[in-house]
N, C-alpha and C. Protein backbone atom coordinates (compact mmCIF):
# COMPACT_ATOMS: atom_id res chain seq x y z
N UNK A 1 132.91 116.84 135.54
CA UNK A 1 131.88 115.75 135.33
C UNK A 1 131.12 115.82 136.29
N UNK A 2 129.73 115.62 136.16
CA UNK A 2 128.81 115.95 137.55
C UNK A 2 128.24 114.72 137.90
N UNK A 3 128.22 114.40 138.83
CA UNK A 3 128.23 112.99 139.52
C UNK A 3 126.51 112.83 139.70
N UNK A 4 125.84 112.18 139.21
CA UNK A 4 124.42 112.14 139.32
C UNK A 4 124.21 110.76 140.21
N UNK A 5 123.17 111.10 141.26
CA UNK A 5 122.75 110.19 142.21
C UNK A 5 122.38 108.93 141.90
N UNK A 6 122.14 107.78 142.16
CA UNK A 6 121.48 106.89 141.78
C UNK A 6 119.90 106.85 142.19
N UNK A 7 119.77 107.73 143.10
CA UNK A 7 118.09 108.06 143.13
C UNK A 7 117.21 108.60 142.01
N UNK A 8 118.28 109.24 140.92
CA UNK A 8 117.71 109.30 139.75
C UNK A 8 117.71 108.34 138.76
N UNK A 9 118.79 107.81 138.72
CA UNK A 9 119.14 107.01 137.68
C UNK A 9 119.67 105.70 138.42
N UNK A 10 118.49 105.14 138.93
CA UNK A 10 119.00 104.16 140.31
C UNK A 10 119.57 102.70 139.01
N UNK A 11 120.35 101.92 140.01
CA UNK A 11 120.70 100.48 139.67
C UNK A 11 120.18 99.36 140.34
N UNK A 12 120.52 98.32 140.01
CA UNK A 12 120.45 97.19 140.88
C UNK A 12 121.62 96.76 141.69
N UNK A 13 121.63 95.74 142.04
CA UNK A 13 122.82 95.09 142.76
C UNK A 13 123.95 94.39 141.62
N UNK A 14 123.17 94.27 140.62
CA UNK A 14 124.36 93.86 139.34
C UNK A 14 125.04 95.17 138.62
N UNK A 15 124.38 96.19 138.84
CA UNK A 15 124.70 97.19 137.94
C UNK A 15 123.83 97.51 137.09
N UNK A 16 122.63 96.84 136.80
CA UNK A 16 121.62 97.19 135.90
C UNK A 16 121.10 98.25 136.03
N UNK A 17 120.27 99.04 135.02
CA UNK A 17 119.90 100.57 134.97
C UNK A 17 118.22 99.79 135.45
N UNK A 18 117.91 100.73 136.40
CA UNK A 18 116.69 100.33 136.87
C UNK A 18 115.25 101.85 136.24
N UNK A 19 114.16 101.16 136.02
CA UNK A 19 113.05 102.42 135.68
C UNK A 19 112.94 103.28 136.92
N UNK A 20 112.75 104.42 136.97
CA UNK A 20 112.65 105.59 137.61
C UNK A 20 111.42 105.62 138.48
N UNK A 21 110.49 104.94 137.64
CA UNK A 21 108.85 104.91 137.90
C UNK A 21 109.09 103.52 138.63
N UNK A 22 109.07 102.53 138.12
CA UNK A 22 108.23 101.00 139.15
C UNK A 22 109.51 100.35 139.51
N UNK A 23 110.76 100.93 139.37
CA UNK A 23 112.02 100.21 139.91
C UNK A 23 112.40 98.72 139.55
N UNK A 24 111.61 98.33 138.25
CA UNK A 24 111.97 97.13 137.79
C UNK A 24 113.37 97.41 136.72
N UNK A 25 114.09 96.38 136.26
CA UNK A 25 115.12 96.56 135.31
C UNK A 25 114.43 97.34 134.13
N UNK A 26 114.87 98.15 133.08
CA UNK A 26 114.80 98.50 131.94
C UNK A 26 113.90 97.55 131.09
N UNK A 27 114.57 96.62 131.07
CA UNK A 27 114.22 95.25 130.07
C UNK A 27 112.99 94.66 130.57
N UNK A 28 112.43 94.85 131.87
CA UNK A 28 111.20 94.44 132.37
C UNK A 28 110.08 95.46 132.87
N UNK A 29 110.42 96.59 132.21
CA UNK A 29 109.37 97.59 132.29
C UNK A 29 108.65 97.61 131.59
N UNK A 30 106.95 98.19 132.00
CA UNK A 30 106.14 98.10 131.24
C UNK A 30 105.66 100.07 131.16
N UNK A 31 106.03 100.74 131.74
CA UNK A 31 105.95 102.24 131.81
C UNK A 31 105.89 102.46 130.32
N UNK A 32 105.07 103.83 129.88
CA UNK A 32 105.11 104.41 129.04
C UNK A 32 105.99 105.04 129.03
N UNK A 33 106.70 105.39 127.67
CA UNK A 33 108.07 106.01 127.41
C UNK A 33 107.89 107.62 127.89
N UNK A 34 108.92 107.93 128.35
CA UNK A 34 109.28 109.24 128.94
C UNK A 34 109.32 110.35 127.70
N UNK A 35 110.08 109.69 126.73
CA UNK A 35 110.24 110.40 125.39
C UNK A 35 108.70 111.10 124.42
N UNK A 36 108.39 112.18 123.95
CA UNK A 36 107.25 112.73 123.58
C UNK A 36 106.90 111.88 122.49
N UNK A 37 105.51 111.34 122.58
CA UNK A 37 104.76 110.58 121.53
C UNK A 37 105.27 111.34 120.13
N UNK A 38 105.67 110.59 119.20
CA UNK A 38 105.91 110.97 117.62
C UNK A 38 104.67 110.67 117.08
N UNK A 39 104.48 111.57 116.19
CA UNK A 39 103.19 111.85 115.51
C UNK A 39 103.27 110.56 114.87
N UNK A 40 101.86 110.25 114.59
CA UNK A 40 101.70 108.95 114.01
C UNK A 40 101.25 109.28 112.29
N UNK A 41 101.96 108.15 111.44
CA UNK A 41 102.12 108.46 110.21
C UNK A 41 100.74 108.08 109.67
N UNK A 42 100.21 109.20 108.91
CA UNK A 42 99.06 109.11 108.26
C UNK A 42 98.74 108.17 106.92
N UNK A 43 97.68 107.54 106.95
CA UNK A 43 97.37 106.52 105.95
C UNK A 43 97.22 107.37 104.85
N UNK A 44 97.45 106.84 103.50
CA UNK A 44 97.22 107.29 102.24
C UNK A 44 95.75 107.19 101.91
N UNK A 45 95.24 108.29 101.66
CA UNK A 45 93.88 108.28 100.98
C UNK A 45 93.98 108.89 99.47
N UNK A 46 94.16 108.10 98.52
CA UNK A 46 94.07 108.41 97.17
C UNK A 46 92.93 108.66 96.64
N UNK A 47 92.76 109.72 96.09
CA UNK A 47 91.71 110.28 94.78
C UNK A 47 91.94 109.46 93.58
N UNK A 48 91.06 108.76 93.12
CA UNK A 48 90.87 107.83 92.19
C UNK A 48 89.97 108.61 91.29
N UNK A 49 90.17 108.78 89.68
CA UNK A 49 89.57 109.38 88.79
C UNK A 49 89.68 109.01 87.65
N UNK A 50 88.80 108.72 86.61
CA UNK A 50 89.03 108.62 85.12
C UNK A 50 89.27 110.36 84.23
N UNK A 51 89.95 110.26 83.51
CA UNK A 51 90.25 111.41 82.63
C UNK A 51 90.39 110.98 81.21
N UNK A 52 89.79 112.11 80.56
CA UNK A 52 90.19 112.07 78.81
C UNK A 52 90.31 113.42 78.46
N UNK A 53 90.36 114.03 78.87
CA UNK A 53 90.79 115.82 78.44
C UNK A 53 92.13 115.47 77.73
N UNK A 54 92.32 116.17 76.79
CA UNK A 54 93.53 116.00 75.93
C UNK A 54 94.45 114.94 75.78
N UNK A 55 93.31 113.82 75.84
CA UNK A 55 93.85 112.51 75.05
C UNK A 55 92.81 111.83 74.24
N UNK A 56 92.79 112.83 73.30
CA UNK A 56 91.87 112.19 72.04
C UNK A 56 90.85 111.06 72.30
N UNK A 57 90.04 111.82 73.37
CA UNK A 57 89.18 110.55 74.05
C UNK A 57 89.73 109.15 74.60
N UNK A 58 90.86 108.91 74.83
CA UNK A 58 91.17 107.75 75.34
C UNK A 58 91.14 108.05 76.83
N UNK A 59 90.78 106.82 77.69
CA UNK A 59 91.04 107.01 79.13
C UNK A 59 92.24 106.85 79.72
N UNK A 60 92.12 107.45 80.79
CA UNK A 60 93.54 107.27 81.88
C UNK A 60 93.01 107.18 83.08
N UNK A 61 93.40 106.59 84.22
CA UNK A 61 93.13 106.31 85.67
C UNK A 61 94.11 107.20 86.25
N UNK A 62 93.55 108.55 86.94
CA UNK A 62 94.47 109.04 87.74
C UNK A 62 94.38 108.81 89.10
N UNK A 63 95.41 108.90 89.90
CA UNK A 63 95.53 108.52 91.37
C UNK A 63 96.37 109.56 92.29
N UNK A 64 95.64 110.40 92.35
CA UNK A 64 96.10 111.53 93.36
C UNK A 64 96.25 111.89 94.28
N UNK A 65 96.57 112.80 95.14
CA UNK A 65 96.75 113.10 96.66
C UNK A 65 97.85 111.65 97.12
N UNK A 66 98.91 111.63 96.52
CA UNK A 66 99.88 110.68 96.91
C UNK A 66 101.07 111.76 97.30
N UNK A 67 102.17 111.31 98.34
CA UNK A 67 102.95 111.88 98.98
C UNK A 67 103.83 112.14 97.56
N UNK A 68 104.74 113.25 98.21
CA UNK A 68 105.80 113.76 97.09
C UNK A 68 107.00 113.25 97.09
N UNK A 69 106.84 111.83 97.50
CA UNK A 69 108.31 111.36 97.41
C UNK A 69 108.45 110.47 96.27
N UNK A 70 109.33 110.97 95.09
CA UNK A 70 109.72 110.18 93.77
C UNK A 70 109.94 108.82 94.03
N UNK A 71 110.68 108.57 94.93
CA UNK A 71 111.15 106.58 95.07
C UNK A 71 109.94 105.97 95.33
N UNK A 72 109.11 106.37 96.39
CA UNK A 72 107.73 105.88 96.61
C UNK A 72 106.92 105.93 95.39
N UNK A 73 106.69 107.00 94.68
CA UNK A 73 105.84 107.05 93.60
C UNK A 73 106.23 106.03 92.68
N UNK A 74 107.55 105.87 92.42
CA UNK A 74 108.25 104.89 91.26
C UNK A 74 107.81 103.75 91.43
N UNK A 75 108.23 103.29 92.82
CA UNK A 75 107.69 101.87 93.34
C UNK A 75 106.40 101.54 93.26
N UNK A 76 105.27 102.53 93.53
CA UNK A 76 104.22 102.33 93.69
C UNK A 76 103.35 101.91 92.20
N UNK A 77 103.97 102.92 91.33
CA UNK A 77 103.43 103.18 89.67
C UNK A 77 103.81 101.59 89.22
N UNK A 78 105.04 101.32 89.55
CA UNK A 78 105.67 99.92 88.44
C UNK A 78 104.69 98.73 89.14
N UNK A 79 104.43 98.69 90.74
CA UNK A 79 103.29 97.82 91.17
C UNK A 79 102.04 97.82 90.54
N UNK A 80 101.45 99.05 90.35
CA UNK A 80 99.95 99.24 89.52
C UNK A 80 100.43 98.91 88.61
N UNK A 81 101.36 99.21 87.63
CA UNK A 81 101.38 98.90 86.27
C UNK A 81 101.21 97.42 85.72
N UNK A 82 102.24 96.58 86.79
CA UNK A 82 102.24 95.27 86.64
C UNK A 82 100.81 94.42 87.15
N UNK A 83 100.11 95.14 88.23
CA UNK A 83 98.82 94.44 88.63
C UNK A 83 97.69 94.81 87.54
N UNK A 84 97.87 95.93 86.71
CA UNK A 84 96.81 96.33 85.68
C UNK A 84 97.31 95.85 84.29
N UNK A 85 98.51 95.57 84.12
CA UNK A 85 98.89 94.96 82.82
C UNK A 85 98.99 96.23 81.96
N UNK A 86 99.16 97.41 82.52
CA UNK A 86 98.68 98.53 81.63
C UNK A 86 100.04 99.56 81.61
N UNK A 87 100.33 100.29 80.77
CA UNK A 87 101.39 101.40 80.73
C UNK A 87 100.83 102.58 82.17
N UNK A 88 101.96 103.60 81.94
CA UNK A 88 101.57 104.54 82.87
C UNK A 88 102.81 105.36 83.12
N UNK A 89 102.76 106.33 83.87
CA UNK A 89 103.69 107.38 84.55
C UNK A 89 103.63 107.77 85.83
N UNK A 90 104.40 108.77 86.51
CA UNK A 90 103.93 109.25 87.79
C UNK A 90 104.85 110.89 87.55
N UNK A 91 104.12 111.61 88.34
CA UNK A 91 104.75 113.01 88.34
C UNK A 91 104.19 113.66 90.07
N UNK A 92 105.01 114.44 90.18
CA UNK A 92 104.87 115.22 91.49
C UNK A 92 104.48 116.88 90.92
N UNK A 93 103.16 117.07 91.60
CA UNK A 93 102.72 118.74 91.06
C UNK A 93 102.34 119.22 92.35
N UNK A 94 101.46 120.29 92.04
CA UNK A 94 101.40 121.12 93.17
C UNK A 94 100.34 120.70 94.50
N UNK A 95 99.63 119.30 94.16
CA UNK A 95 98.75 118.96 95.31
C UNK A 95 99.41 117.30 95.55
N UNK A 96 100.49 117.30 95.25
CA UNK A 96 101.20 116.05 95.64
C UNK A 96 101.53 114.62 94.30
N UNK A 97 101.83 113.69 94.76
CA UNK A 97 102.24 113.15 93.76
C UNK A 97 101.01 112.42 92.88
N UNK A 98 101.18 111.94 91.33
CA UNK A 98 99.89 111.58 90.75
C UNK A 98 100.41 110.25 90.11
N UNK A 99 99.72 109.50 90.03
CA UNK A 99 100.09 108.21 88.91
C UNK A 99 98.76 108.23 87.85
N UNK A 100 99.44 108.09 86.63
CA UNK A 100 98.50 107.86 85.72
C UNK A 100 98.67 106.35 85.29
N UNK A 101 97.85 105.87 84.79
CA UNK A 101 97.53 104.50 84.10
C UNK A 101 96.46 104.27 83.06
N UNK A 102 97.35 103.88 81.98
CA UNK A 102 96.44 104.00 80.75
C UNK A 102 95.13 102.74 80.70
N UNK A 103 94.15 103.30 80.49
CA UNK A 103 92.98 102.77 80.50
C UNK A 103 92.11 102.69 81.93
N UNK A 104 90.90 102.24 81.60
CA UNK A 104 90.03 102.08 82.82
C UNK A 104 90.26 101.45 83.91
N UNK A 105 91.00 101.60 85.04
CA UNK A 105 91.58 100.73 85.89
C UNK A 105 90.95 100.97 87.75
N UNK A 106 89.77 101.78 87.41
CA UNK A 106 89.21 102.32 88.82
C UNK A 106 89.22 101.26 89.49
N UNK A 107 88.32 100.47 89.15
CA UNK A 107 87.56 99.48 90.60
C UNK A 107 89.35 98.49 90.93
N UNK A 108 89.79 98.16 90.03
CA UNK A 108 91.30 97.35 90.11
C UNK A 108 92.16 98.31 91.35
N UNK A 109 92.52 99.48 91.25
CA UNK A 109 93.00 100.40 92.14
C UNK A 109 92.43 100.69 93.18
N UNK A 110 91.11 100.70 93.38
CA UNK A 110 90.36 100.76 94.52
C UNK A 110 90.22 99.21 95.34
N UNK A 111 90.47 98.59 95.03
CA UNK A 111 90.70 97.33 95.36
C UNK A 111 92.20 97.44 96.00
N UNK A 112 93.16 97.65 95.14
CA UNK A 112 94.77 97.71 95.66
C UNK A 112 94.82 98.23 96.74
N UNK A 113 94.40 99.67 97.26
CA UNK A 113 94.37 100.26 98.01
C UNK A 113 93.07 99.96 99.47
N UNK A 114 92.53 99.08 98.83
CA UNK A 114 91.38 98.62 100.04
C UNK A 114 91.95 97.75 101.10
N UNK A 115 92.84 96.54 100.45
CA UNK A 115 93.22 95.74 101.23
C UNK A 115 94.05 96.09 102.14
N UNK A 116 93.81 95.33 103.65
CA UNK A 116 94.55 95.61 104.72
C UNK A 116 95.96 95.88 104.51
N UNK A 117 96.40 94.55 104.17
CA UNK A 117 97.84 94.43 103.94
C UNK A 117 98.40 95.74 103.48
N UNK A 118 98.28 95.92 102.42
CA UNK A 118 98.64 97.22 101.84
C UNK A 118 98.31 98.42 102.54
N UNK A 119 97.19 98.46 102.97
CA UNK A 119 97.00 99.94 103.57
C UNK A 119 97.92 100.12 104.93
N UNK A 120 98.44 98.86 105.29
CA UNK A 120 99.25 99.03 106.56
C UNK A 120 100.45 99.27 105.76
N UNK A 121 100.70 99.03 104.81
CA UNK A 121 102.32 98.96 103.65
C UNK A 121 102.58 100.68 103.32
N UNK A 122 101.38 101.21 103.07
CA UNK A 122 101.59 102.50 102.57
C UNK A 122 101.26 103.42 103.22
N UNK A 123 101.78 103.44 104.46
CA UNK A 123 101.44 104.56 105.37
C UNK A 123 102.97 105.17 105.16
N UNK A 124 102.67 106.67 105.01
CA UNK A 124 103.99 107.54 105.01
C UNK A 124 104.06 108.27 106.51
């Protein structure tokens, strides 16, 4: 075992670890982390559109450019279906996840993703 000198990882008289930069205890230290910065998660920027093709003239609201996480899509689709009071489904395709809601709910979906509380919640 290699003996690491206290000058590299110093300790105070009580044996508590000290920050190598500011010489305060680790609990009191305000220095930035020595670990490399983790990449910040990107907020979801869904693409909302209405579609009628192949549906005999009936309108569906498509919410695309969502993450490819099926559990996440399932929960989000359920919450949107309850909020809009309509049926719908979700699937993962080449562009990412997509949620389909029956009917024209473009404004309600836009408000749903626009609230600050939900914006913070739906980071991936």
